[in-house]
Amino acid sequence: MTVDEKKAIDALRRLAKKWPDTLWIFADGNSLHVTRCGADGERVMLSHGGVDPDMIVESINIPNDGGDF
């Protein structure tokens, strides 16, 4: 592992310790999407099961597998 890779992983660990319960992240393969939770603290989904795009507060371009491995 390179020094930059270790720093990136360490930064994610620090972030996880202070991540607010009001936000969650979902991945689509191209980006990570920071999404607000509903008033009840749960993930807001559409009736067909997709993520409600109105709840996305930010998208960050980090390549990922989309969660389907």
PDB file of N, CA and C in Angstrom:
ATOM      1  N   MET A   1       0.853  -1.172   0.000  1.00  0.00           N
ATOM      2  CA  MET A   1       0.000   0.000   0.000  1.00  0.00           C
ATOM      3  C   MET A   1       0.902   1.240   0.000  1.00  0.00           C
ATOM      4  N   THR A   2       0.526   2.208  -0.822  1.00  0.00           N
ATOM      5  CA  THR A   2       1.312   3.437  -0.882  1.00  0.00           C
ATOM      6  C   THR A   2       0.961   4.354   0.292  1.00  0.00           C
ATOM      7  N   VAL A   3       1.786   5.352   0.517  1.00  0.00           N
ATOM      8  CA  VAL A   3       1.531   6.327   1.572  1.00  0.00           C
ATOM      9  C   VAL A   3       0.218   7.058   1.295  1.00  0.00           C
ATOM     10  N   ASP A   4      -0.027   7.458   0.039  1.00  0.00           N
ATOM     11  CA  ASP A   4      -1.273   8.158  -0.302  1.00  0.00           C
ATOM     12  C   ASP A   4      -2.492   7.268  -0.078  1.00  0.00           C
ATOM     13  N   GLU A   5      -2.379   5.990  -0.394  1.00  0.00           N
ATOM     14  CA  GLU A   5      -3.503   5.064  -0.168  1.00  0.00           C
ATOM     15  C   GLU A   5      -3.787   4.924   1.325  1.00  0.00           C
ATOM     16  N   LYS A   6      -2.734   4.806   2.114  1.00  0.00           N
ATOM     17  CA  LYS A   6      -2.914   4.699   3.565  1.00  0.00           C
ATOM     18  C   LYS A   6      -3.559   5.964   4.127  1.00  0.00           C
ATOM     19  N   LYS A   7      -3.138   7.130   3.649  1.00  0.00           N
ATOM     20  CA  LYS A   7      -3.724   8.390   4.110  1.00  0.00           C
ATOM     21  C   LYS A   7      -5.210   8.472   3.753  1.00  0.00           C
ATOM     22  N   ALA A   8      -5.572   8.020   2.552  1.00  0.00           N
ATOM     23  CA  ALA A   8      -6.974   8.047   2.135  1.00  0.00           C
ATOM     24  C   ALA A   8      -7.818   7.130   3.021  1.00  0.00           C
ATOM     25  N   ILE A   9      -7.326   5.952   3.319  1.00  0.00           N
ATOM     26  CA  ILE A   9      -8.055   5.017   4.177  1.00  0.00           C
ATOM     27  C   ILE A   9      -8.176   5.565   5.594  1.00  0.00           C
ATOM     28  N   ASP A  10      -7.101   6.134   6.097  1.00  0.00           N
ATOM     29  CA  ASP A  10      -7.143   6.742   7.437  1.00  0.00           C
ATOM     30  C   ASP A  10      -8.149   7.883   7.493  1.00  0.00           C
ATOM     31  N   ALA A  11      -8.232   8.670   6.418  1.00  0.00           N
ATOM     32  CA  ALA A  11      -9.193   9.778   6.370  1.00  0.00           C
ATOM     33  C   ALA A  11     -10.627   9.241   6.413  1.00  0.00           C
ATOM     34  N   LEU A  12     -10.892   8.142   5.717  1.00  0.00           N
ATOM     35  CA  LEU A  12     -12.230   7.538   5.763  1.00  0.00           C
ATOM     36  C   LEU A  12     -12.562   7.032   7.164  1.00  0.00           C
ATOM     37  N   ARG A  13     -11.588   6.455   7.835  1.00  0.00           N
ATOM     38  CA  ARG A  13     -11.821   5.978   9.212  1.00  0.00           C
ATOM     39  C   ARG A  13     -12.148   7.138  10.151  1.00  0.00           C
ATOM     40  N   ARG A  14     -11.434   8.253  10.005  1.00  0.00           N
ATOM     41  CA  ARG A  14     -11.725   9.429  10.840  1.00  0.00           C
ATOM     42  C   ARG A  14     -13.123   9.965  10.541  1.00  0.00           C
ATOM     43  N   LEU A  15     -13.462  10.006   9.263  1.00  0.00           N
ATOM     44  CA  LEU A  15     -14.794  10.472   8.859  1.00  0.00           C
ATOM     45  C   LEU A  15     -15.892   9.579   9.446  1.00  0.00           C
ATOM     46  N   ALA A  16     -15.696   8.285   9.404  1.00  0.00           N
ATOM     47  CA  ALA A  16     -16.704   7.343   9.921  1.00  0.00           C
ATOM     48  C   ALA A  16     -17.001   7.588  11.404  1.00  0.00           C
ATOM     49  N   LYS A  17     -16.011   8.008  12.151  1.00  0.00           N
ATOM     50  CA  LYS A  17     -16.202   8.251  13.588  1.00  0.00           C
ATOM     51  C   LYS A  17     -17.109   9.442  13.866  1.00  0.00           C
ATOM     52  N   LYS A  18     -17.175  10.399  12.922  1.00  0.00           N
ATOM     53  CA  LYS A  18     -17.986  11.597  13.171  1.00  0.00           C
ATOM     54  C   LYS A  18     -19.139  11.754  12.184  1.00  0.00           C
ATOM     55  N   TRP A  19     -19.417  10.699  11.384  1.00  0.00           N
ATOM     56  CA  TRP A  19     -20.483  10.759  10.382  1.00  0.00           C
ATOM     57  C   TRP A  19     -21.839  10.913  11.078  1.00  0.00           C
ATOM     58  N   PRO A  20     -22.656  11.898  10.675  1.00  0.00           N
ATOM     59  CA  PRO A  20     -23.958  12.101  11.323  1.00  0.00           C
ATOM     60  C   PRO A  20     -24.969  11.013  10.941  1.00  0.00           C
ATOM     61  N   ASP A  21     -25.824  10.670  11.876  1.00  0.00           N
ATOM     62  CA  ASP A  21     -26.860   9.661  11.637  1.00  0.00           C
ATOM     63  C   ASP A  21     -27.910  10.134  10.641  1.00  0.00           C
ATOM     64  N   THR A  22     -27.907  11.404  10.324  1.00  0.00           N
ATOM     65  CA  THR A  22     -28.907  11.964   9.413  1.00  0.00           C
ATOM     66  C   THR A  22     -28.539  11.786   7.944  1.00  0.00           C
ATOM     67  N   LEU A  23     -27.343  11.266   7.683  1.00  0.00           N
ATOM     68  CA  LEU A  23     -26.888  11.067   6.311  1.00  0.00           C
ATOM     69  C   LEU A  23     -26.491   9.622   6.074  1.00  0.00           C
ATOM     70  N   TRP A  24     -26.634   9.187   4.826  1.00  0.00           N
ATOM     71  CA  TRP A  24     -26.131   7.876   4.424  1.00  0.00           C
ATOM     72  C   TRP A  24     -25.581   7.999   3.017  1.00  0.00           C
ATOM     73  N   ILE A  25     -24.802   7.015   2.599  1.00  0.00           N
ATOM     74  CA  ILE A  25     -24.162   7.049   1.290  1.00  0.00           C
ATOM     75  C   ILE A  25     -24.640   5.862   0.473  1.00  0.00           C
ATOM     76  N   PHE A  26     -24.963   6.131  -0.805  1.00  0.00           N
ATOM     77  CA  PHE A  26     -25.177   5.011  -1.706  1.00  0.00           C
ATOM     78  C   PHE A  26     -24.269   5.196  -2.911  1.00  0.00           C
ATOM     79  N   ALA A  27     -23.954   4.091  -3.556  1.00  0.00           N
ATOM     80  CA  ALA A  27     -23.010   4.095  -4.665  1.00  0.00           C
ATOM     81  C   ALA A  27     -23.694   3.607  -5.928  1.00  0.00           C
ATOM     82  N   ASP A  28     -23.309   4.195  -7.066  1.00  0.00           N
ATOM     83  CA  ASP A  28     -23.892   3.752  -8.330  1.00  0.00           C
ATOM     84  C   ASP A  28     -22.850   3.271  -9.327  1.00  0.00           C
ATOM     85  N   GLY A  29     -21.624   3.098  -8.894  1.00  0.00           N
ATOM     86  CA  GLY A  29     -20.559   2.649  -9.773  1.00  0.00           C
ATOM     87  C   GLY A  29     -19.658   3.777 -10.238  1.00  0.00           C
ATOM     88  N   ASN A  30     -20.184   4.973 -10.360  1.00  0.00           N
ATOM     89  CA  ASN A  30     -19.388   6.124 -10.793  1.00  0.00           C
ATOM     90  C   ASN A  30     -19.175   7.137  -9.683  1.00  0.00           C
ATOM     91  N   SER A  31     -20.146   7.249  -8.789  1.00  0.00           N
ATOM     92  CA  SER A  31     -20.087   8.262  -7.735  1.00  0.00           C
ATOM     93  C   SER A  31     -20.612   7.699  -6.427  1.00  0.00           C
ATOM     94  N   LEU A  32     -20.227   8.356  -5.347  1.00  0.00           N
ATOM     95  CA  LEU A  32     -20.838   8.130  -4.041  1.00  0.00           C
ATOM     96  C   LEU A  32     -21.799   9.287  -3.835  1.00  0.00           C
ATOM     97  N   HIS A  33     -23.012   8.981  -3.426  1.00  0.00           N
ATOM     98  CA  HIS A  33     -24.042  10.002  -3.240  1.00  0.00           C
ATOM     99  C   HIS A  33     -24.358  10.127  -1.757  1.00  0.00           C
ATOM    100  N   VAL A  34     -24.150  11.312  -1.214  1.00  0.00           N
ATOM    101  CA  VAL A  34     -24.494  11.594   0.174  1.00  0.00           C
ATOM    102  C   VAL A  34     -25.967  11.956   0.182  1.00  0.00           C
ATOM    103  N   THR A  35     -26.723  11.222   0.979  1.00  0.00           N
ATOM    104  CA  THR A  35     -28.179  11.306   0.943  1.00  0.00           C
ATOM    105  C   THR A  35     -28.721  11.546   2.344  1.00  0.00           C
ATOM    106  N   ARG A  36     -29.684  12.428   2.447  1.00  0.00           N
ATOM    107  CA  ARG A  36     -30.309  12.732   3.739  1.00  0.00           C
ATOM    108  C   ARG A  36     -31.310  11.636   4.115  1.00  0.00           C
ATOM    109  N   CYS A  37     -31.365  11.315   5.386  1.00  0.00           N
ATOM    110  CA  CYS A  37     -32.375  10.375   5.891  1.00  0.00           C
ATOM    111  C   CYS A  37     -33.704  11.101   6.048  1.00  0.00           C
ATOM    112  N   GLY A  38     -34.785  10.349   6.106  1.00  0.00           N
ATOM    113  CA  GLY A  38     -36.100  10.925   6.326  1.00  0.00           C
ATOM    114  C   GLY A  38     -36.273  11.370   7.767  1.00  0.00           C
ATOM    115  N   ALA A  39     -37.413  11.975   8.063  1.00  0.00           N
ATOM    116  CA  ALA A  39     -37.701  12.479   9.415  1.00  0.00           C
ATOM    117  C   ALA A  39     -37.659  11.372  10.459  1.00  0.00           C
ATOM    118  N   ASP A  40     -37.949  10.133  10.029  1.00  0.00           N
ATOM    119  CA  ASP A  40     -37.930   9.010  10.959  1.00  0.00           C
ATOM    120  C   ASP A  40     -36.549   8.386  11.110  1.00  0.00           C
ATOM    121  N   GLY A  41     -35.543   8.968  10.423  1.00  0.00           N
ATOM    122  CA  GLY A  41     -34.181   8.454  10.502  1.00  0.00           C
ATOM    123  C   GLY A  41     -33.889   7.319   9.538  1.00  0.00           C
ATOM    124  N   GLU A  42     -34.858   6.955   8.720  1.00  0.00           N
ATOM    125  CA  GLU A  42     -34.697   5.851   7.773  1.00  0.00           C
ATOM    126  C   GLU A  42     -34.324   6.370   6.393  1.00  0.00           C
ATOM    127  N   ARG A  43     -33.793   5.489   5.568  1.00  0.00           N
ATOM    128  CA  ARG A  43     -33.479   5.829   4.180  1.00  0.00           C
ATOM    129  C   ARG A  43     -34.774   6.022   3.399  1.00  0.00           C
ATOM    130  N   VAL A  44     -34.834   7.087   2.625  1.00  0.00           N
ATOM    131  CA  VAL A  44     -36.030   7.392   1.840  1.00  0.00           C
ATOM    132  C   VAL A  44     -35.875   6.750   0.456  1.00  0.00           C
ATOM    133  N   MET A  45     -36.767   5.830   0.142  1.00  0.00           N
ATOM    134  CA  MET A  45     -36.737   5.115  -1.125  1.00  0.00           C
ATOM    135  C   MET A  45     -38.019   5.396  -1.896  1.00  0.00           C
ATOM    136  N   LEU A  46     -37.953   5.242  -3.200  1.00  0.00           N
ATOM    137  CA  LEU A  46     -39.141   5.355  -4.034  1.00  0.00           C
ATOM    138  C   LEU A  46     -39.943   4.072  -3.948  1.00  0.00           C
ATOM    139  N   SER A  47     -41.184   4.104  -4.393  1.00  0.00           N
ATOM    140  CA  SER A  47     -42.057   2.933  -4.277  1.00  0.00           C
ATOM    141  C   SER A  47     -41.506   1.712  -5.021  1.00  0.00           C
ATOM    142  N   HIS A  48     -40.746   1.925  -6.103  1.00  0.00           N
ATOM    143  CA  HIS A  48     -40.175   0.798  -6.849  1.00  0.00           C
ATOM    144  C   HIS A  48     -38.841   0.347  -6.268  1.00  0.00           C
ATOM    145  N   GLY A  49     -38.393   0.974  -5.167  1.00  0.00           N
ATOM    146  CA  GLY A  49     -37.189   0.538  -4.482  1.00  0.00           C
ATOM    147  C   GLY A  49     -35.957   1.377  -4.743  1.00  0.00           C
ATOM    148  N   GLY A  50     -36.018   2.313  -5.673  1.00  0.00           N
ATOM    149  CA  GLY A  50     -34.861   3.163  -5.944  1.00  0.00           C
ATOM    150  C   GLY A  50     -34.713   4.257  -4.906  1.00  0.00           C
ATOM    151  N   VAL A  51     -33.541   4.849  -4.881  1.00  0.00           N
ATOM    152  CA  VAL A  51     -33.264   5.951  -3.969  1.00  0.00           C
ATOM    153  C   VAL A  51     -33.982   7.199  -4.455  1.00  0.00           C
ATOM    154  N   ASP A  52     -34.569   7.933  -3.530  1.00  0.00           N
ATOM    155  CA  ASP A  52     -35.261   9.175  -3.864  1.00  0.00           C
ATOM    156  C   ASP A  52     -34.221  10.244  -4.212  1.00  0.00           C
ATOM    157  N   PRO A  53     -34.138  10.671  -5.472  1.00  0.00           N
ATOM    158  CA  PRO A  53     -33.112  11.639  -5.858  1.00  0.00           C
ATOM    159  C   PRO A  53     -33.269  12.996  -5.179  1.00  0.00           C
ATOM    160  N   ASP A  54     -34.450  13.321  -4.689  1.00  0.00           N
ATOM    161  CA  ASP A  54     -34.651  14.590  -3.986  1.00  0.00           C
ATOM    162  C   ASP A  54     -33.927  14.628  -2.644  1.00  0.00           C
ATOM    163  N   MET A  55     -33.521  13.464  -2.140  1.00  0.00           N
ATOM    164  CA  MET A  55     -32.845  13.393  -0.847  1.00  0.00           C
ATOM    165  C   MET A  55     -31.326  13.453  -0.981  1.00  0.00           C
ATOM    166  N   ILE A  56     -30.797  13.447  -2.212  1.00  0.00           N
ATOM    167  CA  ILE A  56     -29.347  13.527  -2.437  1.00  0.00           C
ATOM    168  C   ILE A  56     -28.887  14.958  -2.165  1.00  0.00           C
ATOM    169  N   VAL A  57     -27.895  15.110  -1.306  1.00  0.00           N
ATOM    170  CA  VAL A  57     -27.374  16.445  -1.002  1.00  0.00           C
ATOM    171  C   VAL A  57     -26.045  16.715  -1.691  1.00  0.00           C
ATOM    172  N   GLU A  58     -25.342  15.676  -2.107  1.00  0.00           N
ATOM    173  CA  GLU A  58     -24.049  15.855  -2.780  1.00  0.00           C
ATOM    174  C   GLU A  58     -23.646  14.541  -3.444  1.00  0.00           C
ATOM    175  N   SER A  59     -22.982  14.638  -4.576  1.00  0.00           N
ATOM    176  CA  SER A  59     -22.414  13.475  -5.251  1.00  0.00           C
ATOM    177  C   SER A  59     -20.917  13.692  -5.392  1.00  0.00           C
ATOM    178  N   ILE A  60     -20.154  12.641  -5.080  1.00  0.00           N
ATOM    179  CA  ILE A  60     -18.698  12.726  -5.083  1.00  0.00           C
ATOM    180  C   ILE A  60     -18.167  11.672  -6.037  1.00  0.00           C
ATOM    181  N   ASN A  61     -17.349  12.096  -6.976  1.00  0.00           N
ATOM    182  CA  ASN A  61     -16.844  11.195  -8.001  1.00  0.00           C
ATOM    183  C   ASN A  61     -15.724  10.317  -7.446  1.00  0.00           C
ATOM    184  N   ILE A  62     -16.109   9.168  -6.885  1.00  0.00           N
ATOM    185  CA  ILE A  62     -15.161   8.159  -6.427  1.00  0.00           C
ATOM    186  C   ILE A  62     -15.613   6.845  -7.051  1.00  0.00           C
ATOM    187  N   PRO A  63     -14.809   6.256  -7.942  1.00  0.00           N
ATOM    188  CA  PRO A  63     -15.203   4.995  -8.558  1.00  0.00           C
ATOM    189  C   PRO A  63     -15.481   3.927  -7.495  1.00  0.00           C
ATOM    190  N   ASN A  64     -16.500   3.109  -7.732  1.00  0.00           N
ATOM    191  CA  ASN A  64     -16.914   2.086  -6.784  1.00  0.00           C
ATOM    192  C   ASN A  64     -17.618   0.975  -7.530  1.00  0.00           C
ATOM    193  N   ASP A  65     -17.950  -0.094  -6.840  1.00  0.00           N
ATOM    194  CA  ASP A  65     -18.593  -1.232  -7.510  1.00  0.00           C
ATOM    195  C   ASP A  65     -20.105  -1.127  -7.535  1.00  0.00           C
ATOM    196  N   GLY A  66     -20.671  -0.108  -6.933  1.00  0.00           N
ATOM    197  CA  GLY A  66     -22.125   0.054  -6.916  1.00  0.00           C
ATOM    198  C   GLY A  66     -22.807  -0.822  -5.881  1.00  0.00           C
ATOM    199  N   GLY A  67     -22.062  -1.563  -5.098  1.00  0.00           N
ATOM    200  CA  GLY A  67     -22.641  -2.377  -4.042  1.00  0.00           C
ATOM    201  C   GLY A  67     -23.193  -3.721  -4.459  1.00  0.00           C
ATOM    202  N   ASP A  68     -22.938  -4.127  -5.681  1.00  0.00           N
ATOM    203  CA  ASP A  68     -23.524  -5.375  -6.189  1.00  0.00           C
ATOM    204  C   ASP A  68     -22.483  -6.482  -6.398  1.00  0.00           C
ATOM    205  N   PHE A  69     -21.496  -6.579  -5.539  1.00  0.00           N
ATOM    206  CA  PHE A  69     -20.486  -7.616  -5.788  1.00  0.00           C
ATOM    207  C   PHE A  69     -20.907  -8.951  -5.272  1.00  0.00           C
TER     208      PHE A  69
END
